[in-house]
Structures are given as C-alpha cells and as structure tokens.
C-alpha cells in the first residue's frame, strides 16, 4: 500500500524518506566508503571499476561518473552522503549546490547571502517561481511531462 506523500508537491525538492533510503542504500554506502583515503585513491584511479564493486544500478553509477547530483538524489542519494563525492574531487558543498541549481558558485553564494530563493511561486508544483522544474537544469521530475516548449521527455 502506497503512503500518501503530500510533500512530493514541493517544487525542486526531493525528500529523503524511507523509500528513497531503500532505493539509494548502495549508492549511499559507496559514498561513505570515500571517507577512507585508500578508497578515494582507488575511485579516482578508475571510477568505473570502483563503482562496479558496488551493487547499485547503472543509472546510479552513471550519475556518479557524470557528477549529476540532482539525478543521484532522484535515484536515492542523500545529499550529505553525496557530498563525499564532491569532496573527493576537491569541490566544496557550495560549489556542488551551485551546480545543482544551474548557477555558478558566485551566483549561488550571492543568492544565499541575499536570503535565498523566495517562497513566492515556489510553494507548489505548477506555480511559476524560480524553483519550478521548468526553470531548473534538471528539468521535470521522473515520470512527469515537460512544460518547457519544444522539450521532449
């Protein structure tokens, strides 16, 4: 029986709930393995070979290789675990967050120092705020049709 999840109507937000946790278990375990220097060295030497040691989906592996954190979160990654990938590549959390919004690090920093995104137009999917999927680099959530003119899913 599926649970009612009213929080799925928050634009630009992936809630890390029990379902996401199950889906991303091995992806997140891989991320935690990067806390050890030997594992980071092995991963950096041959990302594909190291990822293949983990029983995660090919989509999850590709998201890691592409450094596509939005996709990794859709596939069950927890941002606090995924931060280990960025750190392995020498990226700050601020750089990673900027990349997830389509902004440069400087643009992201300026937005946050100015108070972050406005809640206006961003409370529910379908409004016209700047956090809506059609205004984000990751586009529409999986399984939802695109609202961007000319874009095909």
Protein backbone atom coordinates (compact mmCIF):
# COMPACT_ATOMS: atom_id res chain seq x y z
CA UNK A 1 0.00 0.00 0.00
CA UNK A 2 1.48 3.33 -1.08
CA UNK A 3 1.70 6.04 1.52
CA UNK A 4 0.19 9.46 0.90
CA UNK A 5 3.15 11.80 0.33
CA UNK A 6 1.84 15.36 0.10
CA UNK A 7 5.44 16.63 0.29
CA UNK A 8 6.01 15.44 -3.27
CA UNK A 9 4.27 18.64 -4.38
CA UNK A 10 7.19 20.86 -3.27
CA UNK A 11 8.99 22.12 -6.39
CA UNK A 12 12.70 21.44 -6.68
CA UNK A 13 12.69 19.22 -3.59
CA UNK A 14 13.43 15.54 -3.15
CA UNK A 15 12.53 14.36 0.33
CA UNK A 16 14.85 11.63 1.59
CA UNK A 17 12.23 9.31 3.05
CA UNK A 18 12.22 5.56 3.69
CA UNK A 19 11.54 4.80 0.02
CA UNK A 20 14.47 6.96 -1.12
CA UNK A 21 16.65 5.38 1.55
CA UNK A 22 15.92 1.88 0.28
CA UNK A 23 16.41 2.90 -3.34
CA UNK A 24 19.76 4.56 -2.63
CA UNK A 25 21.19 2.22 0.00
CA UNK A 26 24.19 1.02 -2.04
CA UNK A 27 24.78 4.41 -3.63
CA UNK A 28 24.99 5.95 -0.18
CA UNK A 29 27.20 3.12 1.11
CA UNK A 30 29.57 3.77 -1.81
CA UNK A 31 29.65 7.46 -0.87
CA UNK A 32 30.51 6.63 2.73
CA UNK A 33 33.35 4.40 1.52
CA UNK A 34 35.02 7.58 0.25
CA UNK A 35 35.73 8.59 3.82
CA UNK A 36 38.79 6.31 3.65
CA UNK A 37 41.84 7.63 1.77
CA UNK A 38 42.59 4.25 0.16
CA UNK A 39 39.06 4.07 -1.27
CA UNK A 40 39.24 7.64 -2.57
CA UNK A 41 42.51 6.81 -4.33
CA UNK A 42 41.03 3.67 -5.89
CA UNK A 43 37.94 5.57 -7.03
CA UNK A 44 39.96 8.39 -8.56
CA UNK A 45 42.27 5.92 -10.32
CA UNK A 46 39.40 4.08 -12.05
CA UNK A 47 35.91 5.33 -11.24
CA UNK A 48 34.09 2.72 -13.31
CA UNK A 49 36.00 -0.23 -11.80
CA UNK A 50 35.44 1.01 -8.25
CA UNK A 51 31.74 1.69 -8.86
CA UNK A 52 31.30 -1.76 -10.36
CA UNK A 53 32.25 -3.24 -6.97
CA UNK A 54 29.00 -1.85 -5.56
CA UNK A 55 25.59 -3.46 -6.24
CA UNK A 56 23.94 -0.24 -7.40
CA UNK A 57 22.05 0.43 -10.61
CA UNK A 58 23.80 1.51 -13.80
CA UNK A 59 21.85 4.77 -13.63
CA UNK A 60 23.29 5.41 -10.17
CA UNK A 61 26.82 4.65 -11.38
CA UNK A 62 26.40 6.98 -14.35
CA UNK A 63 25.08 9.78 -12.14
CA UNK A 64 28.24 9.48 -10.02
CA UNK A 65 30.54 9.49 -13.06
CA UNK A 66 28.68 12.49 -14.52
CA UNK A 67 28.67 14.27 -11.13
CA UNK A 68 24.93 14.73 -11.71
CA UNK A 69 23.87 15.24 -8.11
CA UNK A 70 20.26 16.00 -9.00
CA UNK A 71 19.99 12.66 -10.77
CA UNK A 72 21.79 10.87 -7.94
CA UNK A 73 19.25 12.32 -5.49
CA UNK A 74 16.36 11.17 -7.69
CA UNK A 75 17.94 7.69 -7.56
CA UNK A 76 18.06 7.61 -3.75
CA UNK A 77 21.23 9.51 -2.94
CA UNK A 78 21.27 11.53 0.25
CA UNK A 79 22.92 14.92 -0.28
CA UNK A 80 25.02 14.55 2.88
CA UNK A 81 26.43 11.26 1.58
CA UNK A 82 26.77 12.59 -1.98
CA UNK A 83 28.90 15.42 -0.61
CA UNK A 84 31.68 12.83 -0.18
CA UNK A 85 31.90 12.54 -3.98
CA UNK A 86 32.33 16.29 -4.34
CA UNK A 87 34.94 16.37 -1.60
CA UNK A 88 36.82 13.55 -3.33
CA UNK A 89 37.01 15.77 -6.41
CA UNK A 90 38.04 18.81 -4.35
CA UNK A 91 34.69 20.59 -4.57
CA UNK A 92 33.08 22.50 -1.74
CA UNK A 93 29.46 21.95 -0.78
CA UNK A 94 28.75 25.46 -2.09
CA UNK A 95 30.19 24.55 -5.50
CA UNK A 96 28.10 21.40 -5.55
CA UNK A 97 24.91 23.23 -4.58
CA UNK A 98 25.52 25.83 -7.26
CA UNK A 99 25.93 23.11 -9.88
CA UNK A 100 22.59 21.62 -8.83
CA UNK A 101 20.78 24.91 -9.48
CA UNK A 102 22.46 25.79 -12.78
CA UNK A 103 24.26 28.70 -11.12
CA UNK A 104 27.93 29.43 -10.79
CA UNK A 105 29.39 29.23 -7.31
CA UNK A 106 29.41 33.04 -7.18
CA UNK A 107 25.77 33.33 -8.29
CA UNK A 108 24.72 30.71 -5.75
CA UNK A 109 26.64 32.45 -2.95
CA UNK A 110 25.09 35.82 -3.84
CA UNK A 111 21.59 34.31 -3.89
CA UNK A 112 22.06 32.72 -0.48
CA UNK A 113 23.56 35.89 1.03
CA UNK A 114 20.53 37.79 -0.28
CA UNK A 115 18.22 35.44 1.63
CA UNK A 116 17.86 32.51 -0.76
CA UNK A 117 15.01 31.82 -3.12
CA UNK A 118 11.68 33.43 -2.49
CA UNK A 119 8.84 31.15 -1.45
CA UNK A 120 6.59 33.14 -3.78
CA UNK A 121 5.68 30.96 -6.74
CA UNK A 122 7.55 28.00 -5.25
CA UNK A 123 5.15 26.54 -2.70
CA UNK A 124 3.54 24.01 -5.03
CA UNK A 125 4.36 22.34 -8.31
CA UNK A 126 2.73 24.27 -11.13
CA UNK A 127 3.33 27.77 -9.81
CA UNK A 128 5.74 29.98 -11.72
CA UNK A 129 8.60 30.55 -9.27
CA UNK A 130 12.30 30.11 -9.94
CA UNK A 131 12.47 26.72 -8.17
CA UNK A 132 9.92 25.15 -10.53
CA UNK A 133 11.23 22.24 -12.59
CA UNK A 134 10.86 24.01 -15.93
CA UNK A 135 13.29 26.66 -14.66
CA UNK A 136 15.89 24.22 -13.33
CA UNK A 137 18.75 22.43 -15.11
CA UNK A 138 17.43 19.02 -14.07
CA UNK A 139 14.06 19.72 -15.71
CA UNK A 140 10.99 17.71 -14.88
CA UNK A 141 10.94 15.08 -12.14
CA UNK A 142 10.93 11.49 -13.41
CA UNK A 143 7.58 10.46 -14.80
CA UNK A 144 6.16 13.97 -15.26
CA UNK A 145 5.72 15.54 -18.71
CA UNK A 146 7.76 18.59 -19.55
CA UNK A 147 6.14 22.02 -19.59
CA UNK A 148 9.03 23.62 -21.49
CA UNK A 149 8.10 24.48 -25.06
CA UNK A 150 9.84 22.19 -27.50
CA UNK A 151 11.32 19.90 -24.85
CA UNK A 152 10.54 16.20 -25.20
CA UNK A 153 10.84 13.75 -22.30
